[in-house]
Structure formats: C-alpha cells, structure tokens
Amino acid sequence: MLASQDKVSFTGHALNERMGERGIRPKDVRQILMRGDIDGDGRKSGEWKRLVVGKLDWTPREAGVATVVVRKDRLIIVTVEWTDP
C-alpha cells in the first residue's frame, strides 16, 4: 500500500489551506488512508481519483481525503474535508 510506504504528496491547497482550516494533520491523513473506506469513482489517463473516508482517533467525526493515485506509484492528496453534517 502506498500510504504505508510513505509515497504520499500533498498539494499546496491541501497542506497550506484546508488541513489548517480543518485541524487535520498529516498523520491524520495517513490514518484515514490506512483505515478508511474508498468512496467514489473516476479514472483519467492512468490516474484514479477517489475519496477515502474514515474516522480519526481524536474525534467521533468522519473526514474525507480526496486522493489521486498516479500510475500505482504515488498518492497525491488534493484536499481534506469533514464528511459529517
């Protein structure tokens, strides 16, 4: 699994904007990637776009990590969000 191999990159939008706004840390993103469920569908020229949704240990809320899988080599985190109302 790419997340366990630390083959994860963050866009500036995810790292510098959304994660800070939502209080979600890089280790939280990794936890969601490792334990969460894949939601969504989409493929474009060797890239898979998916939302990975999971709960974090420090909150009962669910968070989503919008992820692009590039040629089975790397995960790119596009954004993060709280998925519960």
PDB file of N, CA and C in Angstrom:
ATOM      1  N   MET A   1       0.841  -1.180   0.000  1.00  0.00           N
ATOM      2  CA  MET A   1       0.000   0.000   0.000  1.00  0.00           C
ATOM      3  C   MET A   1       0.886   1.242   0.000  1.00  0.00           C
ATOM      4  N   LEU A   2       0.553   2.185  -0.830  1.00  0.00           N
ATOM      5  CA  LEU A   2       1.373   3.380  -0.999  1.00  0.00           C
ATOM      6  C   LEU A   2       1.451   4.230   0.262  1.00  0.00           C
ATOM      7  N   ALA A   3       0.366   4.308   1.015  1.00  0.00           N
ATOM      8  CA  ALA A   3       0.373   5.110   2.245  1.00  0.00           C
ATOM      9  C   ALA A   3       1.355   4.554   3.262  1.00  0.00           C
ATOM     10  N   SER A   4       1.428   3.252   3.384  1.00  0.00           N
ATOM     11  CA  SER A   4       2.347   2.643   4.344  1.00  0.00           C
ATOM     12  C   SER A   4       3.799   2.751   3.897  1.00  0.00           C
ATOM     13  N   GLN A   5       4.012   3.012   2.615  1.00  0.00           N
ATOM     14  CA  GLN A   5       5.361   3.188   2.075  1.00  0.00           C
ATOM     15  C   GLN A   5       5.759   4.667   2.017  1.00  0.00           C
ATOM     16  N   ASP A   6       4.931   5.539   2.591  1.00  0.00           N
ATOM     17  CA  ASP A   6       5.159   6.990   2.583  1.00  0.00           C
ATOM     18  C   ASP A   6       5.298   7.561   1.176  1.00  0.00           C
ATOM     19  N   LYS A   7       4.573   7.008   0.241  1.00  0.00           N
ATOM     20  CA  LYS A   7       4.559   7.525  -1.124  1.00  0.00           C
ATOM     21  C   LYS A   7       3.346   8.437  -1.290  1.00  0.00           C
ATOM     22  N   VAL A   8       3.320   9.479  -0.456  1.00  0.00           N
ATOM     23  CA  VAL A   8       2.199  10.409  -0.395  1.00  0.00           C
ATOM     24  C   VAL A   8       2.725  11.824  -0.561  1.00  0.00           C
ATOM     25  N   SER A   9       2.072  12.585  -1.442  1.00  0.00           N
ATOM     26  CA  SER A   9       2.392  14.002  -1.634  1.00  0.00           C
ATOM     27  C   SER A   9       1.125  14.811  -1.386  1.00  0.00           C
ATOM     28  N   PHE A  10       1.306  16.055  -0.977  1.00  0.00           N
ATOM     29  CA  PHE A  10       0.180  16.945  -0.718  1.00  0.00           C
ATOM     30  C   PHE A  10       0.223  18.119  -1.682  1.00  0.00           C
ATOM     31  N   THR A  11      -0.935  18.495  -2.212  1.00  0.00           N
ATOM     32  CA  THR A  11      -0.986  19.735  -2.977  1.00  0.00           C
ATOM     33  C   THR A  11      -0.887  20.907  -2.003  1.00  0.00           C
ATOM     34  N   GLY A  12      -0.521  22.061  -2.492  1.00  0.00           N
ATOM     35  CA  GLY A  12      -0.491  23.257  -1.654  1.00  0.00           C
ATOM     36  C   GLY A  12      -1.861  23.552  -1.074  1.00  0.00           C
ATOM     37  N   HIS A  13      -2.886  23.334  -1.861  1.00  0.00           N
ATOM     38  CA  HIS A  13      -4.257  23.574  -1.402  1.00  0.00           C
ATOM     39  C   HIS A  13      -4.558  22.727  -0.167  1.00  0.00           C
ATOM     40  N   ALA A  14      -4.221  21.442  -0.231  1.00  0.00           N
ATOM     41  CA  ALA A  14      -4.498  20.549   0.902  1.00  0.00           C
ATOM     42  C   ALA A  14      -3.660  20.924   2.116  1.00  0.00           C
ATOM     43  N   LEU A  15      -2.357  21.051   1.913  1.00  0.00           N
ATOM     44  CA  LEU A  15      -1.427  21.233   3.028  1.00  0.00           C
ATOM     45  C   LEU A  15      -1.487  22.634   3.630  1.00  0.00           C
ATOM     46  N   ASN A  16      -1.524  23.644   2.792  1.00  0.00           N
ATOM     47  CA  ASN A  16      -1.424  25.024   3.275  1.00  0.00           C
ATOM     48  C   ASN A  16      -2.757  25.690   3.569  1.00  0.00           C
ATOM     49  N   GLU A  17      -3.839  25.133   3.041  1.00  0.00           N
ATOM     50  CA  GLU A  17      -5.150  25.753   3.251  1.00  0.00           C
ATOM     51  C   GLU A  17      -6.089  24.860   4.054  1.00  0.00           C
ATOM     52  N   ARG A  18      -6.555  23.794   3.448  1.00  0.00           N
ATOM     53  CA  ARG A  18      -7.642  23.007   4.046  1.00  0.00           C
ATOM     54  C   ARG A  18      -7.261  22.279   5.326  1.00  0.00           C
ATOM     55  N   MET A  19      -6.067  21.712   5.382  1.00  0.00           N
ATOM     56  CA  MET A  19      -5.693  20.959   6.579  1.00  0.00           C
ATOM     57  C   MET A  19      -5.632  21.883   7.794  1.00  0.00           C
ATOM     58  N   GLY A  20      -5.066  23.066   7.636  1.00  0.00           N
ATOM     59  CA  GLY A  20      -5.019  24.030   8.732  1.00  0.00           C
ATOM     60  C   GLY A  20      -6.394  24.518   9.135  1.00  0.00           C
ATOM     61  N   GLU A  21      -7.232  24.819   8.153  1.00  0.00           N
ATOM     62  CA  GLU A  21      -8.598  25.279   8.432  1.00  0.00           C
ATOM     63  C   GLU A  21      -9.399  24.240   9.205  1.00  0.00           C
ATOM     64  N   ARG A  22      -9.154  22.976   8.907  1.00  0.00           N
ATOM     65  CA  ARG A  22      -9.973  21.910   9.472  1.00  0.00           C
ATOM     66  C   ARG A  22      -9.299  21.178  10.625  1.00  0.00           C
ATOM     67  N   GLY A  23      -8.087  21.581  10.961  1.00  0.00           N
ATOM     68  CA  GLY A  23      -7.394  20.958  12.089  1.00  0.00           C
ATOM     69  C   GLY A  23      -6.986  19.521  11.836  1.00  0.00           C
ATOM     70  N   ILE A  24      -6.782  19.178  10.583  1.00  0.00           N
ATOM     71  CA  ILE A  24      -6.392  17.820  10.209  1.00  0.00           C
ATOM     72  C   ILE A  24      -4.897  17.825   9.895  1.00  0.00           C
ATOM     73  N   ARG A  25      -4.164  16.937  10.562  1.00  0.00           N
ATOM     74  CA  ARG A  25      -2.705  16.884  10.437  1.00  0.00           C
ATOM     75  C   ARG A  25      -2.283  15.799   9.438  1.00  0.00           C
ATOM     76  N   PRO A  26      -1.043  15.857   8.941  1.00  0.00           N
ATOM     77  CA  PRO A  26      -0.575  14.811   8.018  1.00  0.00           C
ATOM     78  C   PRO A  26      -0.722  13.400   8.594  1.00  0.00           C
ATOM     79  N   LYS A  27      -0.495  13.229   9.894  1.00  0.00           N
ATOM     80  CA  LYS A  27      -0.660  11.887  10.470  1.00  0.00           C
ATOM     81  C   LYS A  27      -2.126  11.463  10.473  1.00  0.00           C
ATOM     82  N   ASP A  28      -3.057  12.417  10.541  1.00  0.00           N
ATOM     83  CA  ASP A  28      -4.483  12.097  10.438  1.00  0.00           C
ATOM     84  C   ASP A  28      -4.810  11.604   9.023  1.00  0.00           C
ATOM     85  N   VAL A  29      -4.230  12.259   8.036  1.00  0.00           N
ATOM     86  CA  VAL A  29      -4.443  11.853   6.647  1.00  0.00           C
ATOM     87  C   VAL A  29      -3.953  10.416   6.455  1.00  0.00           C
ATOM     88  N   ARG A  30      -2.788  10.125   6.983  1.00  0.00           N
ATOM     89  CA  ARG A  30      -2.250   8.764   6.858  1.00  0.00           C
ATOM     90  C   ARG A  30      -3.174   7.755   7.530  1.00  0.00           C
ATOM     91  N   GLN A  31      -3.709   8.096   8.705  1.00  0.00           N
ATOM     92  CA  GLN A  31      -4.629   7.199   9.403  1.00  0.00           C
ATOM     93  C   GLN A  31      -5.863   6.929   8.550  1.00  0.00           C
ATOM     94  N   ILE A  32      -6.407   7.967   7.938  1.00  0.00           N
ATOM     95  CA  ILE A  32      -7.586   7.790   7.078  1.00  0.00           C
ATOM     96  C   ILE A  32      -7.239   6.910   5.884  1.00  0.00           C
ATOM     97  N   LEU A  33      -6.086   7.157   5.270  1.00  0.00           N
ATOM     98  CA  LEU A  33      -5.686   6.348   4.123  1.00  0.00           C
ATOM     99  C   LEU A  33      -5.495   4.875   4.503  1.00  0.00           C
ATOM    100  N   MET A  34      -4.972   4.625   5.687  1.00  0.00           N
ATOM    101  CA  MET A  34      -4.687   3.256   6.117  1.00  0.00           C
ATOM    102  C   MET A  34      -5.945   2.505   6.583  1.00  0.00           C
ATOM    103  N   ARG A  35      -6.887   3.230   7.214  1.00  0.00           N
ATOM    104  CA  ARG A  35      -8.042   2.569   7.829  1.00  0.00           C
ATOM    105  C   ARG A  35      -9.384   2.884   7.167  1.00  0.00           C
ATOM    106  N   GLY A  36      -9.409   3.890   6.316  1.00  0.00           N
ATOM    107  CA  GLY A  36     -10.673   4.364   5.763  1.00  0.00           C
ATOM    108  C   GLY A  36     -11.224   3.498   4.641  1.00  0.00           C
ATOM    109  N   ASP A  37     -12.382   3.908   4.177  1.00  0.00           N
ATOM    110  CA  ASP A  37     -13.070   3.236   3.081  1.00  0.00           C
ATOM    111  C   ASP A  37     -13.015   4.106   1.835  1.00  0.00           C
ATOM    112  N   ILE A  38     -12.896   3.472   0.682  1.00  0.00           N
ATOM    113  CA  ILE A  38     -12.837   4.198  -0.583  1.00  0.00           C
ATOM    114  C   ILE A  38     -14.252   4.485  -1.049  1.00  0.00           C
ATOM    115  N   ASP A  39     -14.483   5.736  -1.434  1.00  0.00           N
ATOM    116  CA  ASP A  39     -15.784   6.172  -1.918  1.00  0.00           C
ATOM    117  C   ASP A  39     -15.546   6.933  -3.213  1.00  0.00           C
ATOM    118  N   GLY A  40     -16.360   6.714  -4.199  1.00  0.00           N
ATOM    119  CA  GLY A  40     -16.241   7.472  -5.431  1.00  0.00           C
ATOM    120  C   GLY A  40     -15.613   6.668  -6.547  1.00  0.00           C
ATOM    121  N   ASP A  41     -15.623   7.265  -7.721  1.00  0.00           N
ATOM    122  CA  ASP A  41     -15.134   6.583  -8.902  1.00  0.00           C
ATOM    123  C   ASP A  41     -14.616   7.617  -9.883  1.00  0.00           C
ATOM    124  N   GLY A  42     -13.639   7.258 -10.641  1.00  0.00           N
ATOM    125  CA  GLY A  42     -13.138   8.138 -11.681  1.00  0.00           C
ATOM    126  C   GLY A  42     -11.737   7.768 -12.100  1.00  0.00           C
ATOM    127  N   ARG A  43     -11.514   7.723 -13.390  1.00  0.00           N
ATOM    128  CA  ARG A  43     -10.198   7.386 -13.903  1.00  0.00           C
ATOM    129  C   ARG A  43      -9.892   8.284 -15.088  1.00  0.00           C
ATOM    130  N   LYS A  44      -8.640   8.722 -15.149  1.00  0.00           N
ATOM    131  CA  LYS A  44      -8.226   9.568 -16.260  1.00  0.00           C
ATOM    132  C   LYS A  44      -6.759   9.283 -16.543  1.00  0.00           C
ATOM    133  N   SER A  45      -6.464   8.778 -17.703  1.00  0.00           N
ATOM    134  CA  SER A  45      -5.104   8.531 -18.200  1.00  0.00           C
ATOM    135  C   SER A  45      -4.129   8.019 -17.137  1.00  0.00           C
ATOM    136  N   GLY A  46      -4.426   6.862 -16.592  1.00  0.00           N
ATOM    137  CA  GLY A  46      -3.527   6.247 -15.633  1.00  0.00           C
ATOM    138  C   GLY A  46      -3.659   6.738 -14.210  1.00  0.00           C
ATOM    139  N   GLU A  47      -4.596   7.641 -13.958  1.00  0.00           N
ATOM    140  CA  GLU A  47      -4.799   8.173 -12.609  1.00  0.00           C
ATOM    141  C   GLU A  47      -6.190   7.796 -12.115  1.00  0.00           C
ATOM    142  N   TRP A  48      -6.271   7.392 -10.860  1.00  0.00           N
ATOM    143  CA  TRP A  48      -7.544   7.109 -10.216  1.00  0.00           C
ATOM    144  C   TRP A  48      -7.822   8.216  -9.210  1.00  0.00           C
ATOM    145  N   LYS A  49      -9.031   8.742  -9.215  1.00  0.00           N
ATOM    146  CA  LYS A  49      -9.430   9.773  -8.250  1.00  0.00           C
ATOM    147  C   LYS A  49     -10.453   9.154  -7.316  1.00  0.00           C
ATOM    148  N   ARG A  50     -10.160   9.222  -6.022  1.00  0.00           N
ATOM    149  CA  ARG A  50     -11.049   8.629  -5.028  1.00  0.00           C
ATOM    150  C   ARG A  50     -11.115   9.487  -3.780  1.00  0.00           C
ATOM    151  N   LEU A  51     -12.221   9.389  -3.073  1.00  0.00           N
ATOM    152  CA  LEU A  51     -12.360   9.980  -1.750  1.00  0.00           C
ATOM    153  C   LEU A  51     -12.234   8.832  -0.751  1.00  0.00           C
ATOM    154  N   VAL A  52     -11.286   8.950   0.163  1.00  0.00           N
ATOM    155  CA  VAL A  52     -11.117   7.951   1.211  1.00  0.00           C
ATOM    156  C   VAL A  52     -11.688   8.562   2.482  1.00  0.00           C
ATOM    157  N   VAL A  53     -12.647   7.865   3.094  1.00  0.00           N
ATOM    158  CA  VAL A  53     -13.371   8.382   4.250  1.00  0.00           C
ATOM    159  C   VAL A  53     -13.094   7.494   5.458  1.00  0.00           C
ATOM    160  N   GLY A  54     -12.842   8.149   6.598  1.00  0.00           N
ATOM    161  CA  GLY A  54     -12.610   7.380   7.814  1.00  0.00           C
ATOM    162  C   GLY A  54     -12.726   8.233   9.055  1.00  0.00           C
ATOM    163  N   LYS A  55     -12.781   7.566  10.203  1.00  0.00           N
ATOM    164  CA  LYS A  55     -12.839   8.255  11.496  1.00  0.00           C
ATOM    165  C   LYS A  55     -11.426   8.407  12.047  1.00  0.00           C
ATOM    166  N   LEU A  56     -11.245   9.464  12.797  1.00  0.00           N
ATOM    167  CA  LEU A  56      -9.965   9.731  13.443  1.00  0.00           C
ATOM    168  C   LEU A  56     -10.063   9.371  14.915  1.00  0.00           C
ATOM    169  N   ASP A  57      -8.934   8.980  15.497  1.00  0.00           N
ATOM    170  CA  ASP A  57      -8.925   8.551  16.898  1.00  0.00           C
ATOM    171  C   ASP A  57      -9.342   9.652  17.864  1.00  0.00           C
ATOM    172  N   TRP A  58      -9.069  10.906  17.538  1.00  0.00           N
ATOM    173  CA  TRP A  58      -9.283  12.004  18.482  1.00  0.00           C
ATOM    174  C   TRP A  58     -10.637  12.699  18.338  1.00  0.00           C
ATOM    175  N   THR A  59     -11.488  12.207  17.438  1.00  0.00           N
ATOM    176  CA  THR A  59     -12.805  12.813  17.251  1.00  0.00           C
ATOM    177  C   THR A  59     -13.783  11.765  16.733  1.00  0.00           C
ATOM    178  N   PRO A  60     -15.064  11.908  17.062  1.00  0.00           N
ATOM    179  CA  PRO A  60     -16.049  10.961  16.520  1.00  0.00           C
ATOM    180  C   PRO A  60     -16.445  11.285  15.077  1.00  0.00           C
ATOM    181  N   ARG A  61     -15.961  12.400  14.570  1.00  0.00           N
ATOM    182  CA  ARG A  61     -16.321  12.825  13.221  1.00  0.00           C
ATOM    183  C   ARG A  61     -15.610  11.997  12.157  1.00  0.00           C
ATOM    184  N   GLU A  62     -16.211  11.977  10.960  1.00  0.00           N
ATOM    185  CA  GLU A  62     -15.571  11.350   9.811  1.00  0.00           C
ATOM    186  C   GLU A  62     -14.946  12.427   8.936  1.00  0.00           C
ATOM    187  N   ALA A  63     -13.805  12.114   8.378  1.00  0.00           N
ATOM    188  CA  ALA A  63     -13.131  13.034   7.467  1.00  0.00           C
ATOM    189  C   ALA A  63     -12.901  12.320   6.145  1.00  0.00           C
ATOM    190  N   GLY A  64     -12.823  13.110   5.085  1.00  0.00           N
ATOM    191  CA  GLY A  64     -12.546  12.568   3.765  1.00  0.00           C
ATOM    192  C   GLY A  64     -11.248  13.140   3.230  1.00  0.00           C
ATOM    193  N   VAL A  65     -10.517  12.309   2.524  1.00  0.00           N
ATOM    194  CA  VAL A  65      -9.262  12.716   1.904  1.00  0.00           C
ATOM    195  C   VAL A  65      -9.410  12.476   0.407  1.00  0.00           C
ATOM    196  N   ALA A  66      -9.484  13.562  -0.371  1.00  0.00           N
ATOM    197  CA  ALA A  66      -9.573  13.441  -1.820  1.00  0.00           C
ATOM    198  C   ALA A  66      -8.191  13.080  -2.337  1.00  0.00           C
ATOM    199  N   THR A  67      -8.098  11.916  -2.977  1.00  0.00           N
ATOM    200  CA  THR A  67      -6.813  11.317  -3.331  1.00  0.00           C
ATOM    201  C   THR A  67      -6.765  10.970  -4.814  1.00  0.00           C
ATOM    202  N   VAL A  68      -5.626  11.240  -5.425  1.00  0.00           N
ATOM    203  CA  VAL A  68      -5.363  10.803  -6.787  1.00  0.00           C
ATOM    204  C   VAL A  68      -4.250   9.765  -6.716  1.00  0.00           C
ATOM    205  N   VAL A  69      -4.487   8.600  -7.297  1.00  0.00           N
ATOM    206  CA  VAL A  69      -3.467   7.558  -7.374  1.00  0.00           C
ATOM    207  C   VAL A  69      -2.829   7.666  -8.748  1.00  0.00           C
ATOM    208  N   VAL A  70      -1.541   7.975  -8.792  1.00  0.00           N
ATOM    209  CA  VAL A  70      -0.842   8.176 -10.055  1.00  0.00           C
ATOM    210  C   VAL A  70      -0.077   6.913 -10.413  1.00  0.00           C
ATOM    211  N   ARG A  71      -0.541   6.243 -11.450  1.00  0.00           N
ATOM    212  CA  ARG A  71       0.124   5.062 -12.005  1.00  0.00           C
ATOM    213  C   ARG A  71       0.588   4.054 -10.956  1.00  0.00           C
ATOM    214  N   LYS A  72      -0.179   3.878  -9.932  1.00  0.00           N
ATOM    215  CA  LYS A  72       0.122   2.921  -8.855  1.00  0.00           C
ATOM    216  C   LYS A  72       1.467   3.200  -8.191  1.00  0.00           C
ATOM    217  N   ASP A  73       1.977   4.437  -8.341  1.00  0.00           N
ATOM    218  CA  ASP A  73       3.285   4.791  -7.796  1.00  0.00           C
ATOM    219  C   ASP A  73       3.216   5.787  -6.647  1.00  0.00           C
ATOM    220  N   ARG A  74       2.170   6.592  -6.592  1.00  0.00           N
ATOM    221  CA  ARG A  74       2.137   7.696  -5.639  1.00  0.00           C
ATOM    222  C   ARG A  74       0.704   8.125  -5.389  1.00  0.00           C
ATOM    223  N   LEU A  75       0.452   8.579  -4.150  1.00  0.00           N
ATOM    224  CA  LEU A  75      -0.839   9.177  -3.798  1.00  0.00           C
ATOM    225  C   LEU A  75      -0.642  10.682  -3.709  1.00  0.00           C
ATOM    226  N   ILE A  76      -1.516  11.416  -4.329  1.00  0.00           N
ATOM    227  CA  ILE A  76      -1.496  12.875  -4.216  1.00  0.00           C
ATOM    228  C   ILE A  76      -2.766  13.292  -3.482  1.00  0.00           C
ATOM    229  N   ILE A  77      -2.579  13.969  -2.352  1.00  0.00           N
ATOM    230  CA  ILE A  77      -3.711  14.433  -1.560  1.00  0.00           C
ATOM    231  C   ILE A  77      -4.114  15.803  -2.085  1.00  0.00           C
ATOM    232  N   VAL A  78      -5.330  15.882  -2.616  1.00  0.00           N
ATOM    233  CA  VAL A  78      -5.818  17.111  -3.250  1.00  0.00           C
ATOM    234  C   VAL A  78      -6.437  18.036  -2.203  1.00  0.00           C
ATOM    235  N   THR A  79      -7.246  17.469  -1.317  1.00  0.00           N
ATOM    236  CA  THR A  79      -7.891  18.261  -0.277  1.00  0.00           C
ATOM    237  C   THR A  79      -8.352  17.325   0.841  1.00  0.00           C
ATOM    238  N   VAL A  80      -8.753  17.910   1.951  1.00  0.00           N
ATOM    239  CA  VAL A  80      -9.350  17.158   3.063  1.00  0.00           C
ATOM    240  C   VAL A  80     -10.631  17.863   3.473  1.00  0.00           C
ATOM    241  N   GLU A  81     -11.554  17.111   4.039  1.00  0.00           N
ATOM    242  CA  GLU A  81     -12.838  17.695   4.429  1.00  0.00           C
ATOM    243  C   GLU A  81     -13.468  16.865   5.534  1.00  0.00           C
ATOM    244  N   TRP A  82     -14.322  17.499   6.304  1.00  0.00           N
ATOM    245  CA  TRP A  82     -15.175  16.769   7.243  1.00  0.00           C
ATOM    246  C   TRP A  82     -16.362  16.283   6.437  1.00  0.00           C
ATOM    247  N   THR A  83     -16.736  15.029   6.587  1.00  0.00           N
ATOM    248  CA  THR A  83     -17.821  14.476   5.756  1.00  0.00           C
ATOM    249  C   THR A  83     -19.156  14.409   6.471  1.00  0.00           C
ATOM    250  N   ASP A  84     -19.139  14.591   7.782  1.00  0.00           N
ATOM    251  CA  ASP A  84     -20.404  14.548   8.520  1.00  0.00           C
ATOM    252  C   ASP A  84     -21.038  15.930   8.511  1.00  0.00           C
ATOM    253  N   PRO A  85     -22.367  15.980   8.711  1.00  0.00           N
ATOM    254  CA  PRO A  85     -23.060  17.280   8.671  1.00  0.00           C
ATOM    255  C   PRO A  85     -22.700  18.194   9.825  1.00  0.00           C
TER     256      PRO A  85
END
